Amino acid sequence: METSWQPVLENELVLIRPLERSDYEELYQVASDPLIWEQHPVYSRHKREEYDIFFEESLESGQSLVMIDKETNKIFGSTRYYDYDPDNSSVKIGGTFLDRAHWGGTYNFSNKLLLLDYAFMFVDKVIFEIAEENIRSQKGTSRFGVEEAEHFMKDINGKKYPYIAYELTPEKWEQAKRMRA
């Protein structure tokens, strides 16, 4: 089966589709909330000049996705698959941000359900890289059965920041899903 890291995925709550240039303004309305970025190393990403860099990088990656609330038909966030490694049967999911109305709970789990179930059709390990200071994302991701793998310094726009890599296997993901049921 051919692997596409920019799929269209859908369930009853969420539609995830490839990022398009025409999504710029609607996605910026989400990203312009400073509280979304307060625990991220690039905490000024809510400013248009920082967002512009992020948006262009996202488009150029060819792997970025937007998340749409099917009830309102509005974009409420973005994410991406990256660093697919067929030799190690792994892919990373990151660059994720959601508007505050969709933090935690049902929507976060619905997003992860789509993204992880899809990824595990092709790989045996999904990796999340989260800034050490981003406690909110660490707590949210911990609910999915991840295990801490390593601490490292990540380069973002020429600056190094302390990060933690978390790994998830299909078995741990299935356990996490059963616990949610």
Protein backbone atom coordinates (compact mmCIF):
# COMPACT_ATOMS: atom_id res chain seq x y z
CA MET A 1 0.00 0.00 0.00
CA GLU A 2 1.34 3.44 -0.97
CA THR A 3 1.94 5.72 2.02
CA SER A 4 0.56 9.25 1.91
CA TRP A 5 1.45 11.44 4.86
CA GLN A 6 -1.14 13.99 3.81
CA PRO A 7 -4.33 11.90 3.86
CA VAL A 8 -7.97 12.89 4.20
CA LEU A 9 -9.32 11.37 7.41
CA GLU A 10 -12.78 11.70 8.89
CA ASN A 11 -15.00 10.57 11.75
CA GLU A 12 -18.27 11.88 13.18
CA LEU A 13 -16.62 14.96 14.77
CA VAL A 14 -13.57 15.85 12.71
CA LEU A 15 -12.41 16.13 9.11
CA ILE A 16 -8.63 16.18 8.66
CA ARG A 17 -7.39 17.20 5.23
CA PRO A 18 -4.24 18.57 3.57
CA LEU A 19 -3.31 22.16 4.36
CA GLU A 20 -3.95 24.53 1.45
CA ARG A 21 -2.71 28.07 0.85
CA SER A 22 -6.34 29.26 1.00
CA ASP A 23 -6.44 28.12 4.67
CA TYR A 24 -4.02 30.89 5.67
CA GLU A 25 -6.40 33.43 7.16
CA GLU A 26 -8.80 31.01 8.84
CA LEU A 27 -5.90 29.12 10.43
CA TYR A 28 -4.29 32.39 11.52
CA GLN A 29 -7.48 33.25 13.40
CA VAL A 30 -6.81 30.12 15.47
CA ALA A 31 -3.04 30.69 15.77
CA SER A 32 -3.42 34.35 16.79
CA ASP A 33 -4.37 33.37 20.36
CA PRO A 34 -1.23 33.94 22.49
CA LEU A 35 -2.34 31.34 25.07
CA ILE A 36 -1.95 28.57 22.49
CA TRP A 37 1.79 29.30 22.27
CA GLU A 38 2.60 30.28 25.87
CA GLN A 39 4.37 26.95 26.60
CA HIS A 40 5.93 26.59 23.14
CA PRO A 41 9.56 27.66 22.54
CA VAL A 42 8.36 30.01 19.76
CA TYR A 43 5.84 31.66 22.08
CA SER A 44 5.42 34.63 19.70
CA ARG A 45 3.96 32.47 16.92
CA HIS A 46 0.63 34.24 17.50
CA LYS A 47 2.16 37.31 15.83
CA ARG A 48 1.60 37.41 12.11
CA GLU A 49 5.31 37.60 11.17
CA GLU A 50 6.10 34.43 13.19
CA TYR A 51 2.94 32.70 11.97
CA ASP A 52 3.88 33.51 8.36
CA ILE A 53 7.16 31.58 8.77
CA PHE A 54 5.35 28.65 10.40
CA PHE A 55 2.62 28.59 7.74
CA GLU A 56 5.10 28.62 4.85
CA GLU A 57 7.14 25.82 6.47
CA SER A 58 3.93 23.85 6.96
CA LEU A 59 2.90 24.27 3.33
CA GLU A 60 6.37 23.41 2.03
CA SER A 61 6.51 20.24 4.13
CA GLY A 62 3.80 18.65 1.99
CA GLN A 63 2.70 16.78 5.11
CA SER A 64 0.64 19.33 7.02
CA LEU A 65 -3.03 18.93 7.75
CA VAL A 66 -5.88 21.09 9.01
CA MET A 67 -8.53 19.88 11.42
CA ILE A 68 -12.10 20.92 10.77
CA ASP A 69 -14.98 20.73 13.24
CA LYS A 70 -17.71 18.99 11.24
CA GLU A 71 -20.48 20.65 13.26
CA THR A 72 -19.35 24.21 12.46
CA ASN A 73 -17.30 23.46 9.30
CA LYS A 74 -14.54 25.69 10.75
CA ILE A 75 -10.81 24.99 10.96
CA PHE A 76 -9.83 24.60 14.61
CA GLY A 77 -6.19 23.59 14.27
CA SER A 78 -3.32 22.07 12.37
CA THR A 79 -0.90 19.15 12.66
CA ARG A 80 1.53 17.23 10.53
CA TYR A 81 3.26 13.94 10.03
CA TYR A 82 7.02 14.28 9.53
CA ASP A 83 10.32 12.39 9.52
CA TYR A 84 8.87 9.15 8.19
CA ASP A 85 11.58 6.50 8.65
CA PRO A 86 10.75 3.24 6.85
CA ASP A 87 13.93 1.56 8.16
CA ASN A 88 12.83 2.11 11.77
CA SER A 89 9.13 1.83 10.91
CA SER A 90 8.38 5.18 12.53
CA VAL A 91 6.83 8.56 11.85
CA LYS A 92 6.52 11.71 13.95
CA ILE A 93 3.37 13.71 14.58
CA GLY A 94 3.78 17.31 15.66
CA GLY A 95 3.50 20.98 14.94
CA THR A 96 0.03 20.57 16.37
CA PHE A 97 -2.08 23.40 17.70
CA LEU A 98 -5.80 23.68 18.43
CA ASP A 99 -8.04 26.55 19.41
CA ARG A 100 -8.83 26.55 23.12
CA ALA A 101 -12.43 25.44 22.58
CA HIS A 102 -11.06 22.12 21.26
CA TRP A 103 -8.36 21.48 23.89
CA GLY A 104 -8.48 18.12 25.64
CA GLY A 105 -11.46 15.86 25.78
CA THR A 106 -13.46 14.53 22.89
CA TYR A 107 -11.98 16.50 19.99
CA ASN A 108 -8.35 15.88 20.92
CA PHE A 109 -9.05 12.17 21.21
CA SER A 110 -10.98 12.15 17.90
CA ASN A 111 -8.03 13.82 16.16
CA LYS A 112 -5.55 11.38 17.65
CA LEU A 113 -7.80 8.44 16.83
CA LEU A 114 -7.75 9.35 13.16
CA LEU A 115 -4.06 10.26 13.00
CA LEU A 116 -2.74 7.32 15.01
CA ASP A 117 -4.98 4.63 13.50
CA TYR A 118 -3.85 5.84 10.08
CA ALA A 119 -0.14 5.96 11.00
CA PHE A 120 -0.21 2.47 12.48
CA MET A 121 -1.35 1.11 9.13
CA PHE A 122 2.22 1.89 7.93
CA VAL A 123 4.55 2.03 10.96
CA ASP A 124 5.22 0.29 14.26
CA LYS A 125 6.08 3.45 16.21
CA VAL A 126 4.78 7.01 16.37
CA ILE A 127 6.98 9.65 17.97
CA PHE A 128 5.84 12.93 19.53
CA GLU A 129 8.47 15.62 20.16
CA ILE A 130 7.32 18.04 22.86
CA ALA A 131 9.16 20.97 24.40
CA GLU A 132 10.20 20.33 28.00
CA GLU A 133 8.30 23.45 29.08
CA ASN A 134 5.10 22.41 27.31
CA ILE A 135 3.45 20.66 30.25
CA ARG A 136 -0.02 20.99 28.72
CA SER A 137 0.96 18.97 25.61
CA GLN A 138 2.88 16.45 27.71
CA LYS A 139 -0.20 15.83 29.88
CA GLY A 140 -2.49 15.59 26.86
CA THR A 141 -0.22 13.15 25.05
CA SER A 142 0.34 11.03 28.18
CA ARG A 143 -3.31 9.93 27.97
CA PHE A 144 -2.52 8.02 24.78
CA GLY A 145 -0.09 5.50 26.25
CA VAL A 146 3.17 7.13 25.18
CA GLU A 147 6.48 6.34 26.83
CA GLU A 148 9.28 8.84 27.33
CA ALA A 149 12.14 7.91 24.98
CA GLU A 150 14.78 10.64 25.13
CA HIS A 151 15.66 14.22 25.98
CA PHE A 152 17.36 16.22 23.23
CA MET A 153 17.96 19.72 21.90
CA LYS A 154 15.76 20.63 18.92
CA ASP A 155 16.72 23.29 16.41
CA ILE A 156 13.92 25.72 15.58
CA ASN A 157 14.85 28.59 13.26
CA GLY A 158 18.50 28.42 14.29
CA LYS A 159 17.93 28.24 18.06
CA LYS A 160 18.17 25.11 20.23
CA TYR A 161 15.44 24.20 22.72
CA PRO A 162 15.14 21.29 25.19
CA TYR A 163 12.64 18.69 24.00
CA ILE A 164 11.41 15.26 25.03
CA ALA A 165 10.61 12.50 22.53
CA TYR A 166 7.72 10.21 23.43
CA GLU A 167 7.07 6.94 21.62
CA LEU A 168 3.84 5.09 21.07
CA THR A 169 3.40 1.53 19.82
CA PRO A 170 0.24 0.00 18.36
CA GLU A 171 -0.16 -2.15 21.48
CA LYS A 172 -0.03 0.83 23.85
CA TRP A 173 -2.40 2.75 21.58
CA GLU A 174 -4.92 -0.12 21.61
CA GLN A 175 -4.74 -0.18 25.43
CA ALA A 176 -5.35 3.58 25.58
CA LYS A 177 -8.36 3.25 23.25
CA ARG A 178 -9.85 0.45 25.40
CA MET A 179 -9.48 2.61 28.49
CA ARG A 180 -11.41 5.43 26.75
CA ALA A 181 -14.25 3.14 25.65
